N, C-alpha and C. Protein backbone atom coordinates (compact mmCIF):
# COMPACT_ATOMS: atom_id res chain seq x y z
N MET A 1 4.79 -29.12 -28.15
CA MET A 1 5.01 -27.78 -27.12
C MET A 1 4.95 -27.89 -25.59
N PRO A 2 6.43 -28.14 -25.16
CA PRO A 2 6.48 -28.35 -23.95
C PRO A 2 5.87 -27.63 -22.70
N GLY A 3 5.50 -27.71 -21.77
CA GLY A 3 4.93 -26.47 -20.81
C GLY A 3 3.96 -25.36 -21.00
N LEU A 4 3.81 -24.40 -20.45
CA LEU A 4 2.70 -22.93 -20.82
C LEU A 4 3.41 -22.62 -22.43
N LEU A 5 2.32 -22.04 -22.93
CA LEU A 5 2.93 -20.36 -23.78
C LEU A 5 3.85 -19.48 -23.51
N ALA A 6 4.71 -19.04 -23.89
CA ALA A 6 5.85 -18.65 -23.13
C ALA A 6 5.47 -17.32 -24.19
N ILE A 7 4.93 -15.79 -22.79
CA ILE A 7 4.85 -14.48 -23.80
C ILE A 7 5.69 -13.57 -23.16
N SER A 8 5.78 -13.02 -24.39
CA SER A 8 7.09 -12.44 -23.96
C SER A 8 6.09 -10.99 -24.84
N ILE A 9 6.65 -9.73 -23.66
CA ILE A 9 6.39 -8.25 -24.19
C ILE A 9 7.37 -7.72 -24.60
N GLY A 10 7.23 -6.78 -25.19
CA GLY A 10 8.33 -6.22 -25.93
C GLY A 10 7.89 -4.65 -26.40
N PRO A 11 9.12 -3.96 -26.59
CA PRO A 11 8.62 -2.61 -26.35
C PRO A 11 7.58 -2.65 -27.76
N PRO A 12 7.63 -3.39 -28.50
CA PRO A 12 6.31 -3.13 -30.28
C PRO A 12 5.23 -3.37 -29.18
N GLU A 13 4.85 -4.34 -28.33
CA GLU A 13 3.75 -4.15 -27.57
C GLU A 13 3.08 -3.80 -26.45
N ILE A 14 4.30 -2.97 -25.81
CA ILE A 14 4.16 -1.69 -25.00
C ILE A 14 3.39 -1.01 -25.76
N ILE A 15 4.10 -0.39 -26.85
CA ILE A 15 3.63 0.63 -27.67
C ILE A 15 2.19 0.65 -28.88
N VAL A 16 1.47 -0.61 -28.78
CA VAL A 16 0.52 -0.55 -29.07
C VAL A 16 -0.54 -0.64 -27.80
N VAL A 17 -0.21 -0.90 -26.58
CA VAL A 17 -0.84 -1.12 -26.03
C VAL A 17 -1.05 0.66 -25.55
N LEU A 18 0.09 1.43 -24.99
CA LEU A 18 -0.11 2.69 -24.80
C LEU A 18 -1.41 3.17 -25.74
N LEU A 19 -0.46 3.10 -27.20
CA LEU A 19 -2.05 3.41 -28.45
C LEU A 19 -3.26 3.54 -27.63
N ILE A 20 -3.32 2.52 -27.57
CA ILE A 20 -5.15 1.50 -27.68
C ILE A 20 -5.75 2.67 -26.29
N LEU A 21 -4.76 2.74 -25.50
CA LEU A 21 -4.61 3.92 -24.48
C LEU A 21 -5.00 5.15 -24.03
N LEU A 22 -4.05 5.53 -25.66
CA LEU A 22 -4.64 6.96 -25.50
C LEU A 22 -5.96 7.49 -26.44
N LEU A 23 -6.02 5.80 -26.87
CA LEU A 23 -7.17 6.30 -28.36
C LEU A 23 -8.79 6.16 -27.58
N LEU A 24 -8.35 5.06 -25.70
CA LEU A 24 -9.62 5.16 -24.98
C LEU A 24 -9.80 6.14 -24.20
N PHE A 25 -8.73 6.94 -23.59
CA PHE A 25 -8.91 7.66 -22.82
C PHE A 25 -8.55 9.15 -22.97
N GLY A 26 -8.01 9.33 -24.39
CA GLY A 26 -7.47 10.58 -24.36
C GLY A 26 -6.42 10.94 -23.84
N ALA A 27 -5.92 11.90 -24.57
CA ALA A 27 -4.53 12.71 -23.61
C ALA A 27 -4.23 13.74 -22.21
N LYS A 28 -6.20 14.28 -21.78
CA LYS A 28 -6.10 14.30 -21.43
C LYS A 28 -5.76 13.49 -19.32
N ARG A 29 -7.01 12.78 -19.93
CA ARG A 29 -6.87 11.78 -19.14
C ARG A 29 -5.72 10.23 -18.90
N LEU A 30 -5.07 10.56 -19.08
CA LEU A 30 -3.80 9.48 -19.38
C LEU A 30 -2.82 10.13 -17.68
N PRO A 31 -2.58 11.35 -18.00
CA PRO A 31 -1.66 11.63 -17.06
C PRO A 31 -2.63 11.37 -15.58
N GLU A 32 -3.46 11.89 -15.55
CA GLU A 32 -4.85 11.57 -14.53
C GLU A 32 -4.64 10.16 -13.74
N MET A 33 -4.70 9.24 -15.02
CA MET A 33 -4.88 8.13 -14.41
C MET A 33 -3.36 7.51 -13.87
N GLY A 34 -2.37 7.95 -14.56
CA GLY A 34 -0.78 7.67 -13.76
C GLY A 34 -0.59 8.20 -12.69
N LYS A 35 -1.14 9.39 -12.05
CA LYS A 35 -0.93 10.09 -11.53
C LYS A 35 -2.14 9.33 -9.94
N GLY A 36 -2.62 8.75 -10.31
CA GLY A 36 -3.41 8.08 -9.77
C GLY A 36 -3.16 6.52 -9.31
N LEU A 37 -2.49 6.23 -9.98
CA LEU A 37 -1.78 4.70 -10.41
C LEU A 37 -0.79 5.03 -8.94
N GLY A 38 0.43 5.70 -9.55
CA GLY A 38 1.71 6.18 -9.34
C GLY A 38 0.65 6.14 -6.73
N LYS A 39 -0.14 7.03 -6.53
CA LYS A 39 -0.33 7.20 -5.47
C LYS A 39 -0.96 5.66 -4.87
N GLY A 40 -1.71 5.46 -5.55
CA GLY A 40 -1.68 3.89 -5.08
C GLY A 40 -1.10 2.79 -4.64
N ILE A 41 0.00 2.93 -5.72
CA ILE A 41 1.02 2.13 -5.43
C ILE A 41 2.09 2.57 -4.15
N ARG A 42 2.18 3.81 -4.00
CA ARG A 42 3.02 4.70 -2.95
C ARG A 42 1.90 4.01 -1.64
N GLU A 43 0.67 4.51 -1.47
CA GLU A 43 -0.30 3.63 -0.22
C GLU A 43 0.09 2.62 -0.08
N PHE A 44 0.09 0.83 -0.78
CA PHE A 44 0.52 0.05 -0.99
C PHE A 44 1.81 -0.48 0.10
N ARG A 45 2.38 0.39 -0.58
CA ARG A 45 3.77 0.39 -0.10
C ARG A 45 4.14 0.03 1.09
N ASP A 46 3.42 1.93 1.46
CA ASP A 46 3.46 1.98 2.83
C ASP A 46 3.04 1.52 3.70
N ALA A 47 2.19 1.02 3.43
CA ALA A 47 0.97 0.28 3.91
C ALA A 47 1.93 -1.01 4.60
N THR A 48 2.54 -1.99 3.06
CA THR A 48 3.05 -3.44 3.48
C THR A 48 4.27 -3.00 4.69
N LYS A 49 5.13 -1.78 4.35
CA LYS A 49 6.08 -1.64 5.29
C LYS A 49 5.89 -1.27 6.16
N GLY A 50 4.50 -0.38 6.72
CA GLY A 50 4.14 -0.49 8.61
C GLY A 50 3.86 -1.92 8.77
N ILE A 51 3.01 -2.37 8.16
CA ILE A 51 2.84 -4.21 8.80
C ILE A 51 4.24 -4.99 9.00
N ALA A 52 5.21 -4.95 7.98
CA ALA A 52 6.12 -5.21 8.40
C ALA A 52 7.02 -5.51 9.22
N ASP A 53 6.68 -3.72 9.19
CA ASP A 53 7.82 -2.62 10.68
C ASP A 53 7.45 -3.67 12.27
N ASP A 54 5.74 -3.98 12.26
CA ASP A 54 5.20 -4.03 13.19
C ASP A 54 5.36 -5.74 13.40
N VAL A 55 5.11 -6.53 12.69
CA VAL A 55 5.74 -8.02 12.88
C VAL A 55 7.18 -8.34 12.80
N LYS A 56 8.01 -7.29 12.42
CA LYS A 56 9.39 -7.36 12.77
C LYS A 56 9.32 -6.36 14.10
N SER A 57 9.33 -5.85 14.83
CA SER A 57 9.32 -5.72 15.94
C SER A 57 8.11 -5.93 17.03
N GLY A 58 7.35 -7.08 16.56
CA GLY A 58 6.68 -8.01 17.78
C GLY A 58 7.48 -9.24 17.84
N ILE A 59 8.37 -9.85 16.99
CA ILE A 59 8.96 -10.64 16.83
C ILE A 59 10.89 -10.50 17.97
N GLU A 60 10.72 -9.34 17.43
CA GLU A 60 12.33 -9.23 18.29
C GLU A 60 11.73 -8.46 20.01
N GLY A 61 10.50 -7.89 20.32
CA GLY A 61 9.82 -8.35 21.32
C GLY A 61 9.30 -9.49 22.04
N GLU A 62 9.49 -10.74 21.34
CA GLU A 62 9.38 -11.56 22.00
C GLU A 62 10.62 -12.38 22.66
N ASP A 63 11.51 -11.83 22.28
CA ASP A 63 13.37 -12.41 22.42
C ASP A 63 13.37 -11.91 23.69
N GLU A 64 12.63 -10.75 23.62
CA GLU A 64 13.05 -10.07 25.94
C GLU A 64 12.39 -10.51 26.91
N PRO A 65 12.87 -11.20 27.56
CA PRO A 65 12.02 -11.44 28.67
C PRO A 65 11.02 -10.85 29.08
N LYS A 66 10.03 -11.52 29.46
CA LYS A 66 9.05 -10.52 30.00
C LYS A 66 9.06 -9.76 31.76
N GLU A 67 8.85 -8.84 31.63
CA GLU A 67 8.39 -8.74 33.28
C GLU A 67 7.49 -9.74 33.98
N ARG A 68 7.69 -10.60 35.31
CA ARG A 68 7.09 -11.48 35.46
C ARG A 68 6.26 -10.73 36.65
N ARG A 69 5.09 -10.35 37.16
CA ARG A 69 4.26 -9.74 38.67
C ARG A 69 3.58 -10.39 39.43
N PRO A 70 4.09 -11.40 39.93
CA PRO A 70 2.96 -12.04 41.37
C PRO A 70 1.73 -11.65 41.17
N SER A 71 0.80 -12.92 41.28
CA SER A 71 -1.00 -12.70 41.07
C SER A 71 -1.05 -11.58 42.38
N GLY A 72 -2.16 -10.76 42.17
CA GLY A 72 -2.45 -9.65 42.39
C GLY A 72 -1.20 -8.57 43.04
N THR A 73 -0.70 -8.47 42.58
CA THR A 73 -0.28 -7.07 41.90
C THR A 73 -0.15 -6.51 40.73
N PRO A 74 -1.15 -4.89 41.15
CA PRO A 74 -1.49 -4.39 39.76
C PRO A 74 -0.02 -4.12 38.64
N SER A 75 -1.03 -3.62 38.01
CA SER A 75 0.39 -3.58 36.63
C SER A 75 0.58 -1.85 36.80
N ASP A 76 0.10 -1.08 37.48
CA ASP A 76 0.65 0.35 37.93
C ASP A 76 1.45 0.52 39.06
N GLY A 77 1.84 -0.30 39.96
CA GLY A 77 3.25 -0.14 40.61
C GLY A 77 2.41 0.45 41.55
N THR A 78 1.21 0.47 42.06
CA THR A 78 0.99 0.86 43.07
C THR A 78 1.05 -0.52 44.44
N LYS A 79 0.69 -0.38 45.43
CA LYS A 79 0.47 -1.55 46.25
C LYS A 79 -0.80 -1.61 46.43
N PRO A 80 -1.31 -3.06 46.46
CA PRO A 80 -2.60 -3.42 46.86
C PRO A 80 -2.61 -3.14 47.86
N ASP A 81 -4.56 -2.62 48.54
CA ASP A 81 -4.95 -2.38 49.96
C ASP A 81 -4.62 -3.47 51.21
């Protein structure tokens, strides 16, 4: 037997898993669990998209030359006393 065992999940296996879940949690609880799972996946996707956008904007920001100020010059643009 070369390599790892191949595990294929087809429609009969999915139906068996769904029937077991129905027996364990009941018909009222399954929609609530699905809704909670959907919200969790959506929040995860939004968070990863936000991180990816931050990284992308950081990379794009590095390409632009930064403004150099002489030492002793305040960053607010006012002249030192």
